Amino acid sequence: MSDVLRLKEQLHQVSMEAKQAAGGLAGFKLRFTQHSQLVESLIAGTATGIDRDITEILEAAGKAVEQAAEALEIASAGCKNYADQI
């Protein structure tokens, strides 16, 4: 097998795995958001400094998961497009 064919194969493999990982993260994000919202509703009345901190931490983590899923989708598409062009 030529190096070009091996490269194409690897790019398609990375693309597929990145897409699957992004889908898994999307499912995780949904569950994480549900749990985070419950935590936030349970501590909403107390509003101490640490309560606000945990709310901010949960929001930041949720955004990071969303960004990671988006980055994986972009990587997946980029690898697929490159593999299809070579």
N, C-alpha and C. Protein backbone atom coordinates (compact mmCIF):
# COMPACT_ATOMS: atom_id res chain seq x y z
N MET A 1 0.85 -1.17 0.00
CA MET A 1 0.00 0.00 0.00
C MET A 1 0.89 1.24 0.00
N SER A 2 0.55 2.17 -0.84
CA SER A 2 1.36 3.39 -0.94
C SER A 2 1.16 4.27 0.29
N ASP A 3 2.10 5.16 0.48
CA ASP A 3 2.01 6.10 1.60
C ASP A 3 0.77 6.98 1.49
N VAL A 4 0.41 7.36 0.28
CA VAL A 4 -0.77 8.21 0.08
C VAL A 4 -2.03 7.46 0.50
N LEU A 5 -2.13 6.22 0.12
CA LEU A 5 -3.31 5.44 0.51
C LEU A 5 -3.37 5.23 2.02
N ARG A 6 -2.21 4.99 2.63
CA ARG A 6 -2.19 4.85 4.09
C ARG A 6 -2.58 6.15 4.77
N LEU A 7 -2.11 7.26 4.22
CA LEU A 7 -2.47 8.56 4.77
C LEU A 7 -3.98 8.78 4.68
N LYS A 8 -4.55 8.50 3.52
CA LYS A 8 -5.99 8.66 3.34
C LYS A 8 -6.76 7.79 4.33
N GLU A 9 -6.31 6.57 4.49
CA GLU A 9 -6.96 5.65 5.42
C GLU A 9 -6.91 6.19 6.85
N GLN A 10 -5.75 6.68 7.24
CA GLN A 10 -5.59 7.23 8.59
C GLN A 10 -6.45 8.48 8.79
N LEU A 11 -6.49 9.33 7.79
CA LEU A 11 -7.31 10.54 7.89
C LEU A 11 -8.79 10.19 8.04
N HIS A 12 -9.24 9.21 7.28
CA HIS A 12 -10.65 8.79 7.40
C HIS A 12 -10.91 8.18 8.78
N GLN A 13 -9.94 7.44 9.30
CA GLN A 13 -10.09 6.86 10.63
C GLN A 13 -10.17 7.95 11.69
N VAL A 14 -9.28 8.93 11.61
CA VAL A 14 -9.30 10.05 12.57
C VAL A 14 -10.63 10.80 12.45
N SER A 15 -11.08 11.03 11.23
CA SER A 15 -12.34 11.73 11.00
C SER A 15 -13.50 11.00 11.67
N MET A 16 -13.55 9.69 11.47
CA MET A 16 -14.65 8.90 12.04
C MET A 16 -14.60 8.91 13.57
N GLU A 17 -13.41 8.72 14.12
CA GLU A 17 -13.29 8.69 15.57
C GLU A 17 -13.57 10.05 16.20
N ALA A 18 -13.15 11.11 15.55
CA ALA A 18 -13.43 12.45 16.06
C ALA A 18 -14.93 12.73 16.04
N LYS A 19 -15.61 12.30 14.99
CA LYS A 19 -17.05 12.49 14.89
C LYS A 19 -17.78 11.70 15.98
N GLN A 20 -17.34 10.47 16.22
CA GLN A 20 -17.94 9.67 17.28
C GLN A 20 -17.71 10.30 18.65
N ALA A 21 -16.51 10.79 18.88
CA ALA A 21 -16.19 11.43 20.16
C ALA A 21 -17.03 12.69 20.36
N ALA A 22 -17.21 13.45 19.30
CA ALA A 22 -18.04 14.66 19.38
C ALA A 22 -19.47 14.29 19.75
N GLY A 23 -19.98 13.23 19.15
CA GLY A 23 -21.32 12.78 19.49
C GLY A 23 -21.43 12.35 20.94
N GLY A 24 -20.41 11.66 21.42
CA GLY A 24 -20.39 11.25 22.83
C GLY A 24 -20.35 12.45 23.76
N LEU A 25 -19.57 13.45 23.39
CA LEU A 25 -19.50 14.67 24.20
C LEU A 25 -20.82 15.42 24.20
N ALA A 26 -21.52 15.40 23.07
CA ALA A 26 -22.82 16.08 23.00
C ALA A 26 -23.80 15.42 23.97
N GLY A 27 -23.79 14.10 24.03
CA GLY A 27 -24.64 13.39 24.98
C GLY A 27 -24.25 13.69 26.41
N PHE A 28 -22.95 13.70 26.67
CA PHE A 28 -22.46 14.04 28.00
C PHE A 28 -22.88 15.45 28.38
N LYS A 29 -22.74 16.38 27.43
CA LYS A 29 -23.09 17.79 27.70
C LYS A 29 -24.54 17.92 28.12
N LEU A 30 -25.42 17.17 27.47
CA LEU A 30 -26.84 17.21 27.83
C LEU A 30 -27.05 16.74 29.26
N ARG A 31 -26.45 15.61 29.61
CA ARG A 31 -26.59 15.10 30.98
C ARG A 31 -25.93 16.03 32.00
N PHE A 32 -24.76 16.54 31.65
CA PHE A 32 -24.04 17.44 32.54
C PHE A 32 -24.86 18.70 32.81
N THR A 33 -25.47 19.23 31.76
CA THR A 33 -26.30 20.43 31.91
C THR A 33 -27.49 20.16 32.82
N GLN A 34 -28.13 19.03 32.65
CA GLN A 34 -29.27 18.68 33.49
C GLN A 34 -28.85 18.60 34.96
N HIS A 35 -27.74 17.93 35.24
CA HIS A 35 -27.25 17.82 36.62
C HIS A 35 -26.83 19.18 37.17
N SER A 36 -26.17 19.97 36.34
CA SER A 36 -25.72 21.29 36.77
C SER A 36 -26.91 22.19 37.11
N GLN A 37 -27.95 22.13 36.29
CA GLN A 37 -29.13 22.94 36.56
C GLN A 37 -29.80 22.53 37.86
N LEU A 38 -29.82 21.25 38.14
CA LEU A 38 -30.39 20.79 39.40
C LEU A 38 -29.56 21.30 40.58
N VAL A 39 -28.24 21.20 40.47
CA VAL A 39 -27.37 21.71 41.53
C VAL A 39 -27.61 23.19 41.73
N GLU A 40 -27.67 23.93 40.63
CA GLU A 40 -27.88 25.38 40.73
C GLU A 40 -29.23 25.71 41.37
N SER A 41 -30.26 24.96 41.04
CA SER A 41 -31.57 25.23 41.64
C SER A 41 -31.57 24.89 43.13
N LEU A 42 -30.81 23.89 43.53
CA LEU A 42 -30.76 23.51 44.94
C LEU A 42 -29.99 24.51 45.79
N ILE A 43 -29.02 25.19 45.19
CA ILE A 43 -28.23 26.15 45.98
C ILE A 43 -28.65 27.59 45.71
N ALA A 44 -29.62 27.80 44.87
CA ALA A 44 -29.99 29.16 44.47
C ALA A 44 -30.35 30.06 45.64
N GLY A 45 -31.01 29.55 46.63
CA GLY A 45 -31.45 30.38 47.75
C GLY A 45 -30.34 30.79 48.68
N THR A 46 -29.24 30.07 48.69
CA THR A 46 -28.19 30.37 49.65
C THR A 46 -27.27 31.49 49.17
N ALA A 47 -26.87 31.44 47.92
CA ALA A 47 -26.08 32.49 47.26
C ALA A 47 -24.87 32.94 48.07
N THR A 48 -24.16 32.00 48.64
CA THR A 48 -22.89 32.36 49.30
C THR A 48 -21.82 32.45 48.23
N GLY A 49 -20.66 32.87 48.63
CA GLY A 49 -19.56 33.00 47.67
C GLY A 49 -19.21 31.68 47.02
N ILE A 50 -19.16 30.63 47.80
CA ILE A 50 -18.79 29.33 47.24
C ILE A 50 -19.89 28.80 46.33
N ASP A 51 -21.15 29.14 46.63
CA ASP A 51 -22.25 28.73 45.75
C ASP A 51 -22.11 29.38 44.38
N ARG A 52 -21.79 30.66 44.38
CA ARG A 52 -21.58 31.35 43.10
C ARG A 52 -20.37 30.77 42.36
N ASP A 53 -19.34 30.43 43.12
CA ASP A 53 -18.15 29.84 42.51
C ASP A 53 -18.48 28.52 41.82
N ILE A 54 -19.21 27.65 42.48
CA ILE A 54 -19.52 26.35 41.88
C ILE A 54 -20.41 26.54 40.66
N THR A 55 -21.31 27.49 40.69
CA THR A 55 -22.15 27.77 39.53
C THR A 55 -21.29 28.21 38.35
N GLU A 56 -20.34 29.10 38.61
CA GLU A 56 -19.43 29.55 37.54
C GLU A 56 -18.55 28.42 37.03
N ILE A 57 -18.10 27.56 37.94
CA ILE A 57 -17.27 26.42 37.55
C ILE A 57 -18.06 25.47 36.65
N LEU A 58 -19.30 25.19 37.03
CA LEU A 58 -20.14 24.29 36.23
C LEU A 58 -20.43 24.89 34.85
N GLU A 59 -20.71 26.18 34.82
CA GLU A 59 -20.97 26.84 33.53
C GLU A 59 -19.72 26.81 32.64
N ALA A 60 -18.56 27.08 33.22
CA ALA A 60 -17.31 27.06 32.45
C ALA A 60 -17.02 25.65 31.93
N ALA A 61 -17.26 24.65 32.75
CA ALA A 61 -17.03 23.27 32.32
C ALA A 61 -17.98 22.91 31.19
N GLY A 62 -19.22 23.31 31.29
CA GLY A 62 -20.19 23.03 30.22
C GLY A 62 -19.78 23.67 28.91
N LYS A 63 -19.30 24.91 28.98
CA LYS A 63 -18.84 25.59 27.77
C LYS A 63 -17.62 24.90 27.18
N ALA A 64 -16.72 24.44 28.05
CA ALA A 64 -15.51 23.75 27.56
C ALA A 64 -15.87 22.45 26.85
N VAL A 65 -16.85 21.73 27.38
CA VAL A 65 -17.29 20.49 26.74
C VAL A 65 -17.88 20.80 25.37
N GLU A 66 -18.69 21.85 25.31
CA GLU A 66 -19.30 22.26 24.04
C GLU A 66 -18.23 22.65 23.03
N GLN A 67 -17.23 23.40 23.47
CA GLN A 67 -16.14 23.80 22.57
C GLN A 67 -15.33 22.60 22.11
N ALA A 68 -15.12 21.64 22.99
CA ALA A 68 -14.37 20.44 22.61
C ALA A 68 -15.13 19.66 21.55
N ALA A 69 -16.45 19.54 21.71
CA ALA A 69 -17.26 18.84 20.72
C ALA A 69 -17.20 19.55 19.37
N GLU A 70 -17.27 20.86 19.40
CA GLU A 70 -17.18 21.64 18.16
C GLU A 70 -15.81 21.47 17.50
N ALA A 71 -14.75 21.47 18.29
CA ALA A 71 -13.41 21.29 17.75
C ALA A 71 -13.26 19.92 17.11
N LEU A 72 -13.85 18.91 17.73
CA LEU A 72 -13.78 17.56 17.15
C LEU A 72 -14.56 17.48 15.84
N GLU A 73 -15.69 18.15 15.77
CA GLU A 73 -16.46 18.18 14.51
C GLU A 73 -15.64 18.86 13.40
N ILE A 74 -14.98 19.94 13.75
CA ILE A 74 -14.14 20.66 12.78
C ILE A 74 -12.98 19.78 12.34
N ALA A 75 -12.34 19.11 13.30
CA ALA A 75 -11.23 18.21 12.95
C ALA A 75 -11.72 17.07 12.07
N SER A 76 -12.87 16.53 12.38
CA SER A 76 -13.43 15.44 11.59
C SER A 76 -13.65 15.88 10.15
N ALA A 77 -14.28 17.02 9.98
CA ALA A 77 -14.56 17.52 8.63
C ALA A 77 -13.27 17.84 7.89
N GLY A 78 -12.32 18.44 8.59
CA GLY A 78 -11.05 18.79 7.96
C GLY A 78 -10.29 17.57 7.49
N CYS A 79 -10.23 16.55 8.33
CA CYS A 79 -9.53 15.31 7.94
C CYS A 79 -10.21 14.65 6.76
N LYS A 80 -11.53 14.61 6.78
CA LYS A 80 -12.28 13.97 5.69
C LYS A 80 -12.06 14.73 4.39
N ASN A 81 -12.17 16.05 4.45
CA ASN A 81 -11.97 16.87 3.24
C ASN A 81 -10.56 16.70 2.67
N TYR A 82 -9.57 16.70 3.54
CA TYR A 82 -8.20 16.55 3.09
C TYR A 82 -7.99 15.17 2.46
N ALA A 83 -8.51 14.15 3.12
CA ALA A 83 -8.37 12.79 2.60
C ALA A 83 -9.05 12.65 1.24
N ASP A 84 -10.17 13.31 1.06
CA ASP A 84 -10.90 13.21 -0.20
C ASP A 84 -10.18 13.97 -1.33
N GLN A 85 -9.31 14.90 -0.97
CA GLN A 85 -8.62 15.69 -2.00
C GLN A 85 -7.29 15.10 -2.43
N ILE A 86 -6.73 14.23 -1.60
CA ILE A 86 -5.40 13.69 -1.98
C ILE A 86 -5.54 12.37 -2.71
